[in-house]
Amino acid sequence: MTDRVERRREREQRVVAEMIALYCRGNHDAYDRKSKTLCPECSELSAYAAVRTARCPLMSEKTFCSNCRVHCYSPEMRERIRAVMRYSGPRIITVHPILAMWHLVSSRRERKKLESE
C-alpha cells in the first residue's frame, strides 16, 4: 500500500515539475534552455509544490491536487499554480504525450469516482 502511495507521489511531483518547466520556458526569459534551469520564481513554485505533495496526508485517496477536497496551497501559490496549469495543460501533450495522456485518463477516472460517491 505504501509503495503505491509513494509511486503516486513521485508521479504527481513529476507531472507538476514538467508543467512548471514548460510554463517557465514559454513565459520567462530567465529560463536557461541549455541547462534547463528554471527562473527563481518558478524554482520557488516547484519546490513549494514538491513539499506540499510530499506532506499530503490524502495521497492514498486521490490522484492529483485538482481532485482533492482539501487545498493546502496558500492563496498566492494556488493562483500561481493555476496559471501554470492553464498555460501548460494544452501544451504538455506536444512535449510529453504519454505523461499527458496518463494524467488525462487518471484525472477523469478520479472525477468519475468522486461524482459517484
C-alpha atoms as a PDB file:
ATOM      1  CA  MET A   1       0.000   0.000   0.000  1.00  0.00           C
ATOM      2  CA  THR A   2       2.690   2.495   0.964  1.00  0.00           C
ATOM      3  CA  ASP A   3       4.702   1.654  -2.127  1.00  0.00           C
ATOM      4  CA  ARG A   4       1.688   2.520  -4.292  1.00  0.00           C
ATOM      5  CA  VAL A   5       1.221   5.817  -2.468  1.00  0.00           C
ATOM      6  CA  GLU A   6       4.888   6.701  -2.917  1.00  0.00           C
ATOM      7  CA  ARG A   7       4.672   5.970  -6.646  1.00  0.00           C
ATOM      8  CA  ARG A   8       1.638   8.280  -6.848  1.00  0.00           C
ATOM      9  CA  ARG A   9       3.550  10.977  -5.015  1.00  0.00           C
ATOM     10  CA  GLU A  10       6.502  10.674  -7.373  1.00  0.00           C
ATOM     11  CA  ARG A  11       4.259  10.746 -10.456  1.00  0.00           C
ATOM     12  CA  GLU A  12       2.379  13.804  -9.244  1.00  0.00           C
ATOM     13  CA  GLN A  13       5.626  15.601  -8.459  1.00  0.00           C
ATOM     14  CA  ARG A  14       6.971  14.724 -11.919  1.00  0.00           C
ATOM     15  CA  VAL A  15       3.852  15.978 -13.696  1.00  0.00           C
ATOM     16  CA  VAL A  16       3.853  19.262 -11.766  1.00  0.00           C
ATOM     17  CA  ALA A  17       7.594  19.775 -12.285  1.00  0.00           C
ATOM     18  CA  GLU A  18       7.259  19.174 -16.043  1.00  0.00           C
ATOM     19  CA  MET A  19       4.327  21.580 -16.275  1.00  0.00           C
ATOM     20  CA  ILE A  20       6.197  24.277 -14.350  1.00  0.00           C
ATOM     21  CA  ALA A  21       9.244  23.829 -16.608  1.00  0.00           C
ATOM     22  CA  LEU A  22       7.051  24.134 -19.703  1.00  0.00           C
ATOM     23  CA  TYR A  23       5.457  27.290 -18.304  1.00  0.00           C
ATOM     24  CA  CYS A  24       8.811  28.820 -17.380  1.00  0.00           C
ATOM     25  CA  ARG A  25      10.314  28.024 -20.784  1.00  0.00           C
ATOM     26  CA  GLY A  26       7.406  29.721 -22.538  1.00  0.00           C
ATOM     27  CA  ASN A  27       6.983  32.745 -20.289  1.00  0.00           C
ATOM     28  CA  HIS A  28      10.233  33.732 -18.592  1.00  0.00           C
ATOM     29  CA  ASP A  29      13.439  34.998 -20.149  1.00  0.00           C
ATOM     30  CA  ALA A  30      15.406  33.774 -17.132  1.00  0.00           C
ATOM     31  CA  TYR A  31      14.814  30.113 -18.147  1.00  0.00           C
ATOM     32  CA  ASP A  32      18.122  28.612 -19.267  1.00  0.00           C
ATOM     33  CA  ARG A  33      17.454  26.300 -22.233  1.00  0.00           C
ATOM     34  CA  LYS A  34      20.904  24.677 -22.179  1.00  0.00           C
ATOM     35  CA  SER A  35      20.861  23.557 -18.564  1.00  0.00           C
ATOM     36  CA  LYS A  36      17.033  23.541 -18.331  1.00  0.00           C
ATOM     37  CA  THR A  37      17.265  25.694 -15.201  1.00  0.00           C
ATOM     38  CA  LEU A  38      14.087  27.384 -14.029  1.00  0.00           C
ATOM     39  CA  CYS A  39      13.863  31.053 -13.168  1.00  0.00           C
ATOM     40  CA  PRO A  40      13.868  31.834  -9.420  1.00  0.00           C
ATOM     41  CA  GLU A  41      10.081  32.360  -9.327  1.00  0.00           C
ATOM     42  CA  CYS A  42       9.345  29.004 -10.963  1.00  0.00           C
ATOM     43  CA  SER A  43      12.015  27.244  -8.872  1.00  0.00           C
ATOM     44  CA  GLU A  44      10.267  28.512  -5.762  1.00  0.00           C
ATOM     45  CA  LEU A  45       6.882  27.291  -7.022  1.00  0.00           C
ATOM     46  CA  SER A  46       8.304  23.890  -7.974  1.00  0.00           C
ATOM     47  CA  ALA A  47       9.919  23.440  -4.562  1.00  0.00           C
ATOM     48  CA  TYR A  48       6.692  24.535  -2.836  1.00  0.00           C
ATOM     49  CA  ALA A  49       4.628  22.057  -4.875  1.00  0.00           C
ATOM     50  CA  ALA A  50       7.086  19.237  -4.109  1.00  0.00           C
ATOM     51  CA  VAL A  51       6.886  19.919  -0.367  1.00  0.00           C
ATOM     52  CA  ARG A  52       3.081  20.039  -0.468  1.00  0.00           C
ATOM     53  CA  THR A  53       2.913  16.766  -2.366  1.00  0.00           C
ATOM     54  CA  ALA A  54       5.436  15.113  -0.044  1.00  0.00           C
ATOM     55  CA  ARG A  55       3.370  16.112   3.007  1.00  0.00           C
ATOM     56  CA  CYS A  56      -0.041  15.242   1.560  1.00  0.00           C
ATOM     57  CA  PRO A  57      -1.952  13.029   4.005  1.00  0.00           C
ATOM     58  CA  LEU A  58      -4.627  12.204   1.399  1.00  0.00           C
ATOM     59  CA  MET A  59      -2.344  10.805  -1.301  1.00  0.00           C
ATOM     60  CA  SER A  60      -3.771   7.302  -0.853  1.00  0.00           C
ATOM     61  CA  GLU A  61      -7.266   8.620  -1.657  1.00  0.00           C
ATOM     62  CA  LYS A  62      -6.650  10.900  -4.645  1.00  0.00           C
ATOM     63  CA  THR A  63      -4.571  11.168  -7.784  1.00  0.00           C
ATOM     64  CA  PHE A  64      -3.938  14.898  -8.231  1.00  0.00           C
ATOM     65  CA  CYS A  65      -4.309  18.076  -6.192  1.00  0.00           C
ATOM     66  CA  SER A  66      -7.027  19.284  -8.547  1.00  0.00           C
ATOM     67  CA  ASN A  67      -9.177  16.340  -7.406  1.00  0.00           C
ATOM     68  CA  CYS A  68      -8.534  16.900  -3.710  1.00  0.00           C
ATOM     69  CA  ARG A  69     -11.195  18.053  -1.285  1.00  0.00           C
ATOM     70  CA  VAL A  70      -8.578  19.844   0.847  1.00  0.00           C
ATOM     71  CA  HIS A  71      -6.473  22.545  -0.796  1.00  0.00           C
ATOM     72  CA  CYS A  72      -3.256  23.026   1.126  1.00  0.00           C
ATOM     73  CA  TYR A  73      -1.635  25.627  -1.151  1.00  0.00           C
ATOM     74  CA  SER A  74      -1.544  29.207   0.121  1.00  0.00           C
ATOM     75  CA  PRO A  75      -3.826  31.545  -1.887  1.00  0.00           C
ATOM     76  CA  GLU A  76      -0.860  33.162  -3.689  1.00  0.00           C
ATOM     77  CA  MET A  77       0.736  29.846  -4.631  1.00  0.00           C
ATOM     78  CA  ARG A  78      -2.618  28.417  -5.643  1.00  0.00           C
ATOM     79  CA  GLU A  79      -3.089  31.245  -8.156  1.00  0.00           C
ATOM     80  CA  ARG A  80       0.430  30.757  -9.462  1.00  0.00           C
ATOM     81  CA  ILE A  81      -0.064  27.015  -9.965  1.00  0.00           C
ATOM     82  CA  ARG A  82      -3.397  27.666 -11.675  1.00  0.00           C
ATOM     83  CA  ALA A  83      -1.666  29.994 -14.148  1.00  0.00           C
ATOM     84  CA  VAL A  84       0.921  27.277 -14.795  1.00  0.00           C
ATOM     85  CA  MET A  85      -1.780  24.641 -15.352  1.00  0.00           C
ATOM     86  CA  ARG A  86      -3.802  26.883 -17.672  1.00  0.00           C
ATOM     87  CA  TYR A  87      -0.744  27.529 -19.808  1.00  0.00           C
ATOM     88  CA  SER A  88       0.875  24.083 -19.659  1.00  0.00           C
ATOM     89  CA  GLY A  89      -2.208  21.879 -19.795  1.00  0.00           C
ATOM     90  CA  PRO A  90      -2.899  22.246 -23.510  1.00  0.00           C
ATOM     91  CA  ARG A  91       0.811  22.299 -24.418  1.00  0.00           C
ATOM     92  CA  ILE A  92       2.096  19.338 -22.399  1.00  0.00           C
ATOM     93  CA  ILE A  93       0.759  16.854 -24.944  1.00  0.00           C
ATOM     94  CA  THR A  94       3.305  18.023 -27.526  1.00  0.00           C
ATOM     95  CA  VAL A  95       6.230  17.769 -25.100  1.00  0.00           C
ATOM     96  CA  HIS A  96       5.278  14.685 -23.041  1.00  0.00           C
ATOM     97  CA  PRO A  97       2.412  12.893 -24.827  1.00  0.00           C
ATOM     98  CA  ILE A  98       2.471   9.721 -22.703  1.00  0.00           C
ATOM     99  CA  LEU A  99       2.591  11.680 -19.456  1.00  0.00           C
ATOM    100  CA  ALA A 100      -0.226  13.925 -20.682  1.00  0.00           C
ATOM    101  CA  MET A 101      -2.447  11.016 -21.673  1.00  0.00           C
ATOM    102  CA  TRP A 102      -1.824   9.241 -18.378  1.00  0.00           C
ATOM    103  CA  HIS A 103      -2.690  12.444 -16.498  1.00  0.00           C
ATOM    104  CA  LEU A 104      -5.888  12.936 -18.507  1.00  0.00           C
ATOM    105  CA  VAL A 105      -7.087   9.356 -18.035  1.00  0.00           C
ATOM    106  CA  SER A 106      -6.237   9.340 -14.322  1.00  0.00           C
ATOM    107  CA  SER A 107      -7.958  12.677 -13.718  1.00  0.00           C
ATOM    108  CA  ARG A 108     -11.140  11.653 -15.490  1.00  0.00           C
ATOM    109  CA  ARG A 109     -11.245   8.313 -13.702  1.00  0.00           C
ATOM    110  CA  GLU A 110     -10.811  10.074 -10.363  1.00  0.00           C
ATOM    111  CA  ARG A 111     -13.518  12.658 -11.123  1.00  0.00           C
ATOM    112  CA  LYS A 112     -15.998   9.932 -12.044  1.00  0.00           C
ATOM    113  CA  LYS A 113     -15.174   8.120  -8.833  1.00  0.00           C
ATOM    114  CA  LEU A 114     -15.719  11.290  -6.794  1.00  0.00           C
ATOM    115  CA  GLU A 115     -19.015  12.064  -8.558  1.00  0.00           C
ATOM    116  CA  SER A 116     -20.372   8.601  -7.846  1.00  0.00           C
ATOM    117  CA  GLU A 117     -19.685   8.889  -4.089  1.00  0.00           C
END
